[in-house]
C-alpha atoms as a PDB file:
ATOM      1  CA  MET A   1     -18.328 238.971 221.825  1.00  0.00           C
ATOM      2  CA  SER A   2     -21.143 241.514 221.887  1.00  0.00           C
ATOM      3  CA  HIS A   3     -20.814 245.033 220.552  1.00  0.00           C
ATOM      4  CA  ASN A   4     -20.915 246.506 224.083  1.00  0.00           C
ATOM      5  CA  GLU A   5     -18.138 244.137 225.219  1.00  0.00           C
ATOM      6  CA  GLU A   6     -15.986 245.244 222.267  1.00  0.00           C
ATOM      7  CA  ILE A   7     -16.436 248.885 223.216  1.00  0.00           C
ATOM      8  CA  LEU A   8     -15.516 248.124 226.862  1.00  0.00           C
ATOM      9  CA  ASP A   9     -12.355 246.253 225.828  1.00  0.00           C
ATOM     10  CA  SER A  10     -11.419 249.152 223.537  1.00  0.00           C
ATOM     11  CA  CYS A  11     -11.827 251.647 226.385  1.00  0.00           C
ATOM     12  CA  LYS A  12      -9.614 249.526 228.652  1.00  0.00           C
ATOM     13  CA  ILE A  13      -6.912 249.402 225.969  1.00  0.00           C
ATOM     14  CA  ASP A  14      -7.102 253.201 225.522  1.00  0.00           C
ATOM     15  CA  ALA A  15      -6.837 253.754 229.286  1.00  0.00           C
ATOM     16  CA  ASP A  16      -3.822 251.429 229.568  1.00  0.00           C
ATOM     17  CA  THR A  17      -2.134 253.195 226.653  1.00  0.00           C
ATOM     18  CA  LEU A  18      -2.738 256.621 228.209  1.00  0.00           C
ATOM     19  CA  ALA A  19      -1.390 255.404 231.554  1.00  0.00           C
ATOM     20  CA  GLY A  20       1.763 254.282 229.781  1.00  0.00           C
ATOM     21  CA  TYR A  21       2.244 257.754 228.348  1.00  0.00           C
ATOM     22  CA  ARG A  22       1.608 259.447 231.682  1.00  0.00           C
ATOM     23  CA  GLU A  23       4.185 257.261 233.436  1.00  0.00           C
ATOM     24  CA  LYS A  24       6.855 259.048 231.404  1.00  0.00           C
ATOM     25  CA  LEU A  25       5.844 262.502 232.709  1.00  0.00           C
ATOM     26  CA  PRO A  26       7.675 262.445 236.102  1.00  0.00           C
ATOM     27  CA  HIS A  27      10.982 261.800 234.320  1.00  0.00           C
ATOM     28  CA  ILE A  28      10.281 264.642 231.872  1.00  0.00           C
ATOM     29  CA  ALA A  29       9.364 266.962 234.768  1.00  0.00           C
ATOM     30  CA  GLU A  30      12.632 266.104 236.536  1.00  0.00           C
ATOM     31  CA  LYS A  31      14.599 267.037 233.423  1.00  0.00           C
ATOM     32  CA  ILE A  32      12.732 270.362 233.138  1.00  0.00           C
ATOM     33  CA  ILE A  33      13.349 271.128 236.823  1.00  0.00           C
ATOM     34  CA  GLU A  34      17.036 270.330 236.376  1.00  0.00           C
ATOM     35  CA  ASN A  35      17.144 272.582 233.325  1.00  0.00           C
ATOM     36  CA  SER A  36      15.390 275.375 235.282  1.00  0.00           C
ATOM     37  CA  ASN A  37      18.446 275.547 237.543  1.00  0.00           C
ATOM     38  CA  ASP A  38      20.837 275.836 234.585  1.00  0.00           C
ATOM     39  CA  PRO A  39      22.588 279.243 234.835  1.00  0.00           C
ATOM     40  CA  ASP A  40      22.908 279.358 231.033  1.00  0.00           C
ATOM     41  CA  CYS A  41      19.105 279.432 230.653  1.00  0.00           C
ATOM     42  CA  PHE A  42      16.726 282.206 231.685  1.00  0.00           C
ATOM     43  CA  ASN A  43      14.524 281.786 234.724  1.00  0.00           C
ATOM     44  CA  HIS A  44      13.140 283.829 237.559  1.00  0.00           C
ATOM     45  CA  VAL A  45      12.863 281.381 240.430  1.00  0.00           C
ATOM     46  CA  ASP A  46      13.028 283.586 243.503  1.00  0.00           C
ATOM     47  CA  TYR A  47      11.315 284.270 246.802  1.00  0.00           C
ATOM     48  CA  GLU A  48      10.427 287.809 245.682  1.00  0.00           C
ATOM     49  CA  LEU A  49       7.527 288.485 243.309  1.00  0.00           C
ATOM     50  CA  ILE A  50       8.367 289.667 239.815  1.00  0.00           C
ATOM     51  CA  PRO A  51       6.188 292.403 238.258  1.00  0.00           C
ATOM     52  CA  SER A  52       3.120 290.881 236.611  1.00  0.00           C
ATOM     53  CA  ARG A  53       2.361 291.567 232.946  1.00  0.00           C
ATOM     54  CA  ASP A  54      -1.294 290.698 233.502  1.00  0.00           C
ATOM     55  CA  ALA A  55      -1.458 293.195 236.373  1.00  0.00           C
ATOM     56  CA  VAL A  56       0.183 295.856 234.179  1.00  0.00           C
ATOM     57  CA  ILE A  57      -2.524 295.396 231.530  1.00  0.00           C
ATOM     58  CA  LYS A  58      -5.211 295.921 234.182  1.00  0.00           C
ATOM     59  CA  ILE A  59      -3.354 299.034 235.376  1.00  0.00           C
ATOM     60  CA  ILE A  60      -3.313 300.442 231.825  1.00  0.00           C
ATOM     61  CA  ASN A  61      -7.058 299.846 231.528  1.00  0.00           C
ATOM     62  CA  LYS A  62      -7.638 301.613 234.852  1.00  0.00           C
ATOM     63  CA  PHE A  63      -5.525 304.572 233.689  1.00  0.00           C
ATOM     64  CA  PHE A  64      -7.702 304.874 230.583  1.00  0.00           C
ATOM     65  CA  LYS A  65     -10.832 305.110 232.748  1.00  0.00           C
ATOM     66  CA  ILE A  66      -9.255 308.027 234.639  1.00  0.00           C
ATOM     67  CA  LEU A  67      -7.569 309.784 231.710  1.00  0.00           C
ATOM     68  CA  TYR A  68     -10.724 309.617 229.560  1.00  0.00           C
ATOM     69  CA  PRO A  69     -13.660 309.677 232.037  1.00  0.00           C
ATOM     70  CA  GLY A  70     -16.777 308.064 230.627  1.00  0.00           C
ATOM     71  CA  TYR A  71     -15.133 306.568 227.544  1.00  0.00           C
ATOM     72  CA  PHE A  72     -13.887 303.232 228.861  1.00  0.00           C
ATOM     73  CA  SER A  73     -16.124 302.582 231.876  1.00  0.00           C
ATOM     74  CA  SER A  74     -18.810 299.920 231.834  1.00  0.00           C
ATOM     75  CA  GLU A  75     -21.069 302.168 233.913  1.00  0.00           C
ATOM     76  CA  LYS A  76     -22.432 305.572 232.916  1.00  0.00           C
ATOM     77  CA  ILE A  77     -20.391 308.525 234.174  1.00  0.00           C
ATOM     78  CA  ASP A  78     -22.428 311.688 234.738  1.00  0.00           C
ATOM     79  CA  PRO A  79     -21.865 314.953 236.668  1.00  0.00           C
ATOM     80  CA  ILE A  80     -23.575 313.465 239.708  1.00  0.00           C
ATOM     81  CA  ASN A  81     -21.459 310.314 240.097  1.00  0.00           C
ATOM     82  CA  LEU A  82     -18.197 311.653 238.617  1.00  0.00           C
ATOM     83  CA  ASN A  83     -16.634 312.380 242.011  1.00  0.00           C
ATOM     84  CA  PHE A  84     -17.505 308.948 243.365  1.00  0.00           C
ATOM     85  CA  ASN A  85     -16.290 307.037 240.302  1.00  0.00           C
ATOM     86  CA  ILE A  86     -13.020 308.937 239.867  1.00  0.00           C
ATOM     87  CA  GLY A  87     -12.332 308.658 243.592  1.00  0.00           C
ATOM     88  CA  GLN A  88     -12.924 304.923 243.426  1.00  0.00           C
ATOM     89  CA  TYR A  89     -10.752 304.498 240.311  1.00  0.00           C
ATOM     90  CA  VAL A  90      -7.884 306.488 241.833  1.00  0.00           C
ATOM     91  CA  THR A  91      -8.001 304.442 245.045  1.00  0.00           C
ATOM     92  CA  GLN A  92      -8.026 301.178 243.087  1.00  0.00           C
ATOM     93  CA  LEU A  93      -5.237 302.346 240.787  1.00  0.00           C
ATOM     94  CA  PHE A  94      -3.088 303.392 243.729  1.00  0.00           C
ATOM     95  CA  SER A  95      -3.220 299.889 245.225  1.00  0.00           C
ATOM     96  CA  MET A  96      -2.697 298.132 241.885  1.00  0.00           C
ATOM     97  CA  LEU A  97       0.150 300.359 240.707  1.00  0.00           C
ATOM     98  CA  ALA A  98       1.946 300.580 244.070  1.00  0.00           C
ATOM     99  CA  GLU A  99       2.145 296.794 244.280  1.00  0.00           C
ATOM    100  CA  GLN A 100       3.780 296.529 240.863  1.00  0.00           C
ATOM    101  CA  VAL A 101       6.135 299.479 241.454  1.00  0.00           C
ATOM    102  CA  VAL A 102       7.272 297.935 244.752  1.00  0.00           C
ATOM    103  CA  ASN A 103       7.783 294.567 243.035  1.00  0.00           C
ATOM    104  CA  SER A 104       9.827 296.296 240.323  1.00  0.00           C
ATOM    105  CA  PHE A 105      12.171 297.876 242.865  1.00  0.00           C
ATOM    106  CA  ARG A 106      12.449 294.649 244.852  1.00  0.00           C
ATOM    107  CA  HIS A 107      13.192 292.761 241.665  1.00  0.00           C
ATOM    108  CA  ASP A 108      16.156 295.019 240.944  1.00  0.00           C
ATOM    109  CA  CYS A 109      17.397 294.845 244.527  1.00  0.00           C
ATOM    110  CA  PHE A 110      17.483 291.058 244.556  1.00  0.00           C
ATOM    111  CA  ARG A 111      18.257 290.393 240.897  1.00  0.00           C
ATOM    112  CA  PHE A 112      21.192 292.796 240.691  1.00  0.00           C
ATOM    113  CA  ASN A 113      22.371 292.706 244.325  1.00  0.00           C
ATOM    114  CA  LEU A 114      21.572 296.370 244.900  1.00  0.00           C
ATOM    115  CA  ASN A 115      21.235 298.080 248.243  1.00  0.00           C
ATOM    116  CA  CYS A 116      17.572 298.051 249.172  1.00  0.00           C
ATOM    117  CA  GLU A 117      16.309 301.616 249.604  1.00  0.00           C
ATOM    118  CA  GLU A 118      13.157 300.819 251.579  1.00  0.00           C
ATOM    119  CA  CYS A 119      11.433 299.502 248.472  1.00  0.00           C
ATOM    120  CA  ASN A 120       7.956 299.526 249.999  1.00  0.00           C
ATOM    121  CA  ASP A 121       7.998 303.200 251.046  1.00  0.00           C
ATOM    122  CA  LYS A 122       9.754 304.238 247.861  1.00  0.00           C
ATOM    123  CA  GLY A 123       7.225 302.404 245.707  1.00  0.00           C
ATOM    124  CA  HIS A 124       4.229 303.997 247.405  1.00  0.00           C
ATOM    125  CA  GLU A 125       5.749 307.495 247.325  1.00  0.00           C
ATOM    126  CA  ILE A 126       6.500 307.221 243.605  1.00  0.00           C
ATOM    127  CA  THR A 127       2.996 305.910 242.948  1.00  0.00           C
ATOM    128  CA  LEU A 128       1.575 309.036 244.607  1.00  0.00           C
ATOM    129  CA  LYS A 129       3.824 311.203 242.419  1.00  0.00           C
ATOM    130  CA  MET A 130       2.602 309.333 239.364  1.00  0.00           C
ATOM    131  CA  LEU A 131      -1.040 309.938 240.270  1.00  0.00           C
ATOM    132  CA  GLU A 132      -0.316 313.616 240.937  1.00  0.00           C
ATOM    133  CA  ASN A 133       0.873 313.880 237.319  1.00  0.00           C
ATOM    134  CA  ILE A 134      -2.442 312.678 235.878  1.00  0.00           C
ATOM    135  CA  PRO A 135      -3.977 316.174 235.365  1.00  0.00           C
ATOM    136  CA  ALA A 136      -0.868 317.282 233.429  1.00  0.00           C
ATOM    137  CA  ILE A 137      -0.920 314.088 231.331  1.00  0.00           C
ATOM    138  CA  ARG A 138      -4.609 314.672 230.538  1.00  0.00           C
ATOM    139  CA  LYS A 139      -3.871 318.193 229.267  1.00  0.00           C
ATOM    140  CA  VAL A 140      -1.124 316.939 226.954  1.00  0.00           C
ATOM    141  CA  LEU A 141      -3.308 314.101 225.665  1.00  0.00           C
ATOM    142  CA  ALA A 142      -6.098 316.584 224.946  1.00  0.00           C
ATOM    143  CA  GLU A 143      -3.677 318.476 222.684  1.00  0.00           C
ATOM    144  CA  ASP A 144      -2.692 315.202 220.991  1.00  0.00           C
ATOM    145  CA  VAL A 145      -6.360 314.371 220.287  1.00  0.00           C
ATOM    146  CA  ARG A 146      -7.095 317.896 218.959  1.00  0.00           C
ATOM    147  CA  ALA A 147      -4.048 317.782 216.678  1.00  0.00           C
ATOM    148  CA  THR A 148      -5.126 314.365 215.368  1.00  0.00           C
ATOM    149  CA  TYR A 149      -8.605 315.674 214.560  1.00  0.00           C
ATOM    150  CA  ALA A 150      -7.288 318.868 212.954  1.00  0.00           C
ATOM    151  CA  GLY A 151      -5.082 316.952 210.536  1.00  0.00           C
ATOM    152  CA  ASP A 152      -7.405 314.071 209.625  1.00  0.00           C
ATOM    153  CA  PRO A 153     -10.379 314.851 207.361  1.00  0.00           C
ATOM    154  CA  SER A 154     -11.687 311.298 207.859  1.00  0.00           C
ATOM    155  CA  ALA A 155     -12.151 311.826 211.612  1.00  0.00           C
ATOM    156  CA  GLN A 156     -15.797 312.570 212.390  1.00  0.00           C
ATOM    157  CA  SER A 157     -15.353 313.498 216.051  1.00  0.00           C
ATOM    158  CA  TYR A 158     -13.003 313.550 219.023  1.00  0.00           C
ATOM    159  CA  ASP A 159     -14.929 310.568 220.375  1.00  0.00           C
ATOM    160  CA  GLU A 160     -14.021 308.506 217.332  1.00  0.00           C
ATOM    161  CA  ILE A 161     -10.334 309.311 217.855  1.00  0.00           C
ATOM    162  CA  VAL A 162     -10.317 308.497 221.575  1.00  0.00           C
ATOM    163  CA  PHE A 163     -12.284 305.275 221.109  1.00  0.00           C
ATOM    164  CA  SER A 164     -10.664 303.825 218.024  1.00  0.00           C
ATOM    165  CA  TYR A 165      -7.379 305.377 216.855  1.00  0.00           C
ATOM    166  CA  PRO A 166      -4.356 303.141 217.516  1.00  0.00           C
ATOM    167  CA  GLY A 167      -2.067 306.178 217.443  1.00  0.00           C
ATOM    168  CA  ILE A 168      -3.863 307.770 220.390  1.00  0.00           C
ATOM    169  CA  TYR A 169      -3.861 304.461 222.266  1.00  0.00           C
ATOM    170  CA  ALA A 170      -0.094 304.054 221.820  1.00  0.00           C
ATOM    171  CA  ILE A 171       0.605 307.713 222.676  1.00  0.00           C
ATOM    172  CA  THR A 172      -1.543 307.469 225.822  1.00  0.00           C
ATOM    173  CA  VAL A 173       0.288 304.387 227.066  1.00  0.00           C
ATOM    174  CA  TYR A 174       3.603 306.055 226.186  1.00  0.00           C
ATOM    175  CA  ARG A 175       2.764 309.177 228.220  1.00  0.00           C
ATOM    176  CA  ILE A 176       1.895 307.009 231.246  1.00  0.00           C
ATOM    177  CA  ALA A 177       5.031 304.904 230.838  1.00  0.00           C
ATOM    178  CA  HIS A 178       7.279 307.915 230.211  1.00  0.00           C
ATOM    179  CA  THR A 179       6.192 309.507 233.486  1.00  0.00           C
ATOM    180  CA  LEU A 180       7.071 306.305 235.343  1.00  0.00           C
ATOM    181  CA  PHE A 181      10.353 306.136 233.393  1.00  0.00           C
ATOM    182  CA  GLU A 182      11.202 309.673 234.517  1.00  0.00           C
ATOM    183  CA  LEU A 183      10.468 308.583 238.097  1.00  0.00           C
ATOM    184  CA  ASP A 184      13.139 305.865 237.649  1.00  0.00           C
ATOM    185  CA  VAL A 185      10.727 302.945 237.943  1.00  0.00           C
ATOM    186  CA  PRO A 186      12.380 299.868 236.398  1.00  0.00           C
ATOM    187  CA  LEU A 187      10.679 297.294 234.129  1.00  0.00           C
ATOM    188  CA  LEU A 188       7.100 298.598 234.302  1.00  0.00           C
ATOM    189  CA  PRO A 189       7.419 301.384 231.688  1.00  0.00           C
ATOM    190  CA  ARG A 190       8.846 299.001 229.104  1.00  0.00           C
ATOM    191  CA  ILE A 191       6.225 296.346 229.844  1.00  0.00           C
ATOM    192  CA  MET A 192       3.558 299.003 229.247  1.00  0.00           C
ATOM    193  CA  THR A 193       4.848 300.303 225.925  1.00  0.00           C
ATOM    194  CA  GLU A 194       5.561 296.808 224.617  1.00  0.00           C
ATOM    195  CA  TYR A 195       1.972 295.844 225.430  1.00  0.00           C
ATOM    196  CA  ALA A 196       0.799 298.853 223.414  1.00  0.00           C
ATOM    197  CA  HIS A 197       3.216 297.761 220.679  1.00  0.00           C
ATOM    198  CA  SER A 198       1.620 294.302 220.607  1.00  0.00           C
ATOM    199  CA  LYS A 199      -1.875 295.847 220.300  1.00  0.00           C
ATOM    200  CA  THR A 200      -1.168 298.596 217.771  1.00  0.00           C
ATOM    201  CA  GLY A 201       2.070 297.793 215.941  1.00  0.00           C
ATOM    202  CA  ILE A 202       3.461 301.109 217.240  1.00  0.00           C
ATOM    203  CA  ASP A 203       6.734 300.785 219.170  1.00  0.00           C
ATOM    204  CA  ILE A 204       7.555 303.815 221.345  1.00  0.00           C
ATOM    205  CA  HIS A 205      10.302 303.453 223.931  1.00  0.00           C
ATOM    206  CA  PRO A 206       9.222 305.026 227.239  1.00  0.00           C
ATOM    207  CA  GLY A 207      12.521 306.935 227.425  1.00  0.00           C
ATOM    208  CA  ALA A 208      11.775 309.012 224.318  1.00  0.00           C
ATOM    209  CA  HIS A 209      10.949 312.694 224.901  1.00  0.00           C
ATOM    210  CA  ILE A 210       7.821 313.718 222.968  1.00  0.00           C
ATOM    211  CA  ASP A 211       6.180 317.138 223.265  1.00  0.00           C
ATOM    212  CA  ASP A 212       2.467 317.854 222.866  1.00  0.00           C
ATOM    213  CA  LYS A 213       0.289 317.901 219.716  1.00  0.00           C
ATOM    214  CA  PHE A 214       1.942 314.676 218.603  1.00  0.00           C
ATOM    215  CA  VAL A 215       0.128 312.672 215.932  1.00  0.00           C
ATOM    216  CA  ILE A 216       0.732 309.151 214.647  1.00  0.00           C
ATOM    217  CA  ASP A 217      -1.497 308.635 211.589  1.00  0.00           C
ATOM    218  CA  HIS A 218      -2.432 304.995 210.882  1.00  0.00           C
ATOM    219  CA  GLY A 219       0.631 303.955 212.844  1.00  0.00           C
ATOM    220  CA  THR A 220       1.427 300.348 211.954  1.00  0.00           C
ATOM    221  CA  GLY A 221       5.184 299.775 211.933  1.00  0.00           C
ATOM    222  CA  VAL A 222       6.191 303.038 213.630  1.00  0.00           C
ATOM    223  CA  VAL A 223       9.378 302.741 215.726  1.00  0.00           C
ATOM    224  CA  ILE A 224      10.590 305.502 218.070  1.00  0.00           C
ATOM    225  CA  GLY A 225      13.843 304.773 219.894  1.00  0.00           C
ATOM    226  CA  GLU A 226      14.785 305.468 223.491  1.00  0.00           C
ATOM    227  CA  SER A 227      16.773 308.684 223.060  1.00  0.00           C
ATOM    228  CA  THR A 228      14.543 310.237 220.388  1.00  0.00           C
ATOM    229  CA  VAL A 229      13.506 313.858 221.014  1.00  0.00           C
ATOM    230  CA  ILE A 230      10.334 315.098 219.291  1.00  0.00           C
ATOM    231  CA  GLY A 231       9.135 318.707 219.435  1.00  0.00           C
ATOM    232  CA  LYS A 232       5.647 320.204 219.320  1.00  0.00           C
ATOM    233  CA  ASN A 233       3.077 319.604 216.598  1.00  0.00           C
ATOM    234  CA  VAL A 234       4.896 316.738 214.863  1.00  0.00           C
ATOM    235  CA  ARG A 235       2.971 314.316 212.644  1.00  0.00           C
ATOM    236  CA  ILE A 236       4.316 310.965 211.487  1.00  0.00           C
ATOM    237  CA  TYR A 237       2.761 308.262 209.333  1.00  0.00           C
ATOM    238  CA  GLN A 238       2.877 304.477 209.260  1.00  0.00           C
ATOM    239  CA  GLY A 239       6.186 302.694 208.873  1.00  0.00           C
ATOM    240  CA  VAL A 240       8.347 305.588 210.107  1.00  0.00           C
ATOM    241  CA  THR A 241      11.511 304.592 211.980  1.00  0.00           C
ATOM    242  CA  LEU A 242      13.324 307.007 214.293  1.00  0.00           C
ATOM    243  CA  GLY A 243      16.204 304.731 215.129  1.00  0.00           C
ATOM    244  CA  ALA A 244      19.896 304.224 215.758  1.00  0.00           C
ATOM    245  CA  LEU A 245      22.680 303.688 213.263  1.00  0.00           C
ATOM    246  CA  SER A 246      24.180 300.231 212.852  1.00  0.00           C
ATOM    247  CA  LEU A 247      25.647 299.155 216.191  1.00  0.00           C
ATOM    248  CA  PRO A 248      28.635 296.948 217.052  1.00  0.00           C
ATOM    249  CA  ARG A 249      28.114 293.674 218.870  1.00  0.00           C
ATOM    250  CA  ASN A 250      29.078 295.126 222.249  1.00  0.00           C
ATOM    251  CA  ALA A 251      26.904 298.229 221.762  1.00  0.00           C
ATOM    252  CA  GLY A 252      24.693 297.363 224.717  1.00  0.00           C
ATOM    253  CA  ASP A 253      27.478 298.069 227.183  1.00  0.00           C
ATOM    254  CA  GLU A 254      29.305 300.825 225.294  1.00  0.00           C
ATOM    255  CA  LEU A 255      26.364 302.967 224.133  1.00  0.00           C
ATOM    256  CA  ARG A 256      23.788 302.448 226.878  1.00  0.00           C
ATOM    257  CA  GLY A 257      22.652 305.854 228.142  1.00  0.00           C
ATOM    258  CA  GLN A 258      24.019 307.787 225.148  1.00  0.00           C
ATOM    259  CA  LYS A 259      21.946 309.595 222.529  1.00  0.00           C
ATOM    260  CA  ARG A 260      21.573 307.201 219.599  1.00  0.00           C
ATOM    261  CA  HIS A 261      18.306 308.364 218.043  1.00  0.00           C
ATOM    262  CA  PRO A 262      17.369 311.530 216.104  1.00  0.00           C
ATOM    263  CA  THR A 263      15.891 314.837 217.159  1.00  0.00           C
ATOM    264  CA  ILE A 264      12.744 316.028 215.372  1.00  0.00           C
ATOM    265  CA  GLU A 265      12.051 319.735 215.851  1.00  0.00           C
ATOM    266  CA  ASP A 266       8.661 321.498 215.963  1.00  0.00           C
ATOM    267  CA  ASP A 267       6.051 321.311 213.176  1.00  0.00           C
ATOM    268  CA  VAL A 268       7.732 318.504 211.198  1.00  0.00           C
ATOM    269  CA  ILE A 269       5.787 316.047 209.019  1.00  0.00           C
ATOM    270  CA  ILE A 270       7.324 312.648 208.246  1.00  0.00           C
ATOM    271  CA  TYR A 271       5.536 310.539 205.643  1.00  0.00           C
ATOM    272  CA  SER A 272       5.174 306.779 205.545  1.00  0.00           C
ATOM    273  CA  GLY A 273       8.174 304.507 205.298  1.00  0.00           C
ATOM    274  CA  ALA A 274      10.763 307.174 206.110  1.00  0.00           C
ATOM    275  CA  THR A 275      13.799 306.044 208.114  1.00  0.00           C
ATOM    276  CA  ILE A 276      15.753 308.617 210.146  1.00  0.00           C
ATOM    277  CA  LEU A 277      18.771 307.335 212.049  1.00  0.00           C
ATOM    278  CA  GLY A 278      21.485 308.557 214.399  1.00  0.00           C
ATOM    279  CA  GLY A 279      21.833 310.519 217.608  1.00  0.00           C
ATOM    280  CA  ASP A 280      23.423 313.517 215.841  1.00  0.00           C
ATOM    281  CA  THR A 281      20.694 313.703 213.199  1.00  0.00           C
ATOM    282  CA  VAL A 282      18.380 316.711 213.586  1.00  0.00           C
ATOM    283  CA  ILE A 283      15.344 317.344 211.387  1.00  0.00           C
ATOM    284  CA  GLY A 284      14.875 321.103 211.430  1.00  0.00           C
ATOM    285  CA  ALA A 285      11.599 322.800 212.317  1.00  0.00           C
ATOM    286  CA  ARG A 286       8.785 322.940 209.746  1.00  0.00           C
ATOM    287  CA  SER A 287      10.489 320.430 207.466  1.00  0.00           C
ATOM    288  CA  VAL A 288       8.643 317.789 205.437  1.00  0.00           C
ATOM    289  CA  ILE A 289      10.227 314.368 204.964  1.00  0.00           C
ATOM    290  CA  GLY A 290       8.776 312.416 202.048  1.00  0.00           C
ATOM    291  CA  GLY A 291       7.840 308.759 202.028  1.00  0.00           C
ATOM    292  CA  ASN A 292      10.481 306.011 201.892  1.00  0.00           C
ATOM    293  CA  ILE A 293      13.334 308.459 202.507  1.00  0.00           C
ATOM    294  CA  TRP A 294      16.512 307.249 204.266  1.00  0.00           C
ATOM    295  CA  ILE A 295      18.247 309.981 206.327  1.00  0.00           C
ATOM    296  CA  THR A 296      21.410 309.746 208.436  1.00  0.00           C
ATOM    297  CA  GLU A 297      22.416 313.434 208.348  1.00  0.00           C
ATOM    298  CA  SER A 298      20.784 316.583 209.708  1.00  0.00           C
ATOM    299  CA  VAL A 299      18.242 318.506 207.646  1.00  0.00           C
ATOM    300  CA  PRO A 300      17.975 322.337 207.944  1.00  0.00           C
ATOM    301  CA  ALA A 301      14.768 324.000 209.038  1.00  0.00           C
ATOM    302  CA  ASP A 302      12.059 324.593 206.405  1.00  0.00           C
ATOM    303  CA  SER A 303      13.382 321.827 204.137  1.00  0.00           C
ATOM    304  CA  ARG A 304      11.491 319.410 201.892  1.00  0.00           C
ATOM    305  CA  VAL A 305      13.237 316.091 201.453  1.00  0.00           C
ATOM    306  CA  LEU A 306      11.739 314.102 198.601  1.00  0.00           C
ATOM    307  CA  MET A 307      12.743 311.090 196.554  1.00  0.00           C
ATOM    308  CA  GLU A 308      13.104 311.539 192.804  1.00  0.00           C
ATOM    309  CA  LYS A 309      10.203 310.086 190.881  1.00  0.00           C
ATOM    310  CA  PRO A 310      10.992 306.460 190.037  1.00  0.00           C
ATOM    311  CA  ARG A 311      10.665 305.139 186.484  1.00  0.00           C
ATOM    312  CA  LEU A 312       8.176 302.313 186.162  1.00  0.00           C
ATOM    313  CA  VAL A 313       9.099 299.470 183.776  1.00  0.00           C
ATOM    314  CA  TYR A 314       6.286 297.421 182.216  1.00  0.00           C
ATOM    315  CA  LYS A 315       7.149 294.041 180.715  1.00  0.00           C
END
């Protein structure tokens, strides 16, 4: 047998073997389809569209082009074409966001057997309200950027902060998502902040209430729970947790909607690794919380909470 004939026979054997494997696929697919109808497993097989995570990411990117004109656009933005570009972005964002808001309301109507409240009209009206809030969001974000620059000697410019700081990225997405949360849009706000969480390591629930001049320095590992309240000019560092106390197994039903996370008053600094827990816990104005501190009780205004210096042991 020639070399070419050996290669041909080998290819035939490989093809027959592959065909044998593929013959098993219809049976596997049937089992998966059967499992997809199992009520004990999670699925979303429905005639109504579910909100799209990919679409939400595109919406966030479009928001950034509007909130920070000229920073995140592929084309040059100048005083001559500003009106055209912003007008185009707003029109595009309206269509993109309205579709996902409508899908979010429809999802709840069908998924939870709610009374449909004209989801299409409601979704478009809320989208308009969201867009009307953009100037106010921009003003608050400007204060956040200025506060970040004022407290960070390593920052060379506002541009550097807007372009590259993960804290500003996470805060920007939070302020978008929080506005939608306040407009009672389901699903979308949480999808947005969890996307920012995946990009930055900063986890801010869209239900948290955060005033202006808010700074997250470095940011990795920061957690801010749903019912957290944060005042003006607050700065927190990496690894800070503003969370809830230990919860019972049925806490989801019993404590949903209640205040479970702390209140941080104006002008507070919280250093890295600090953990502050509990809905009744209040950190008073102008206080400084040292690194790696664990707090479950309120702290008076103008306090400094520090850990005693540890003793190093060398062996």
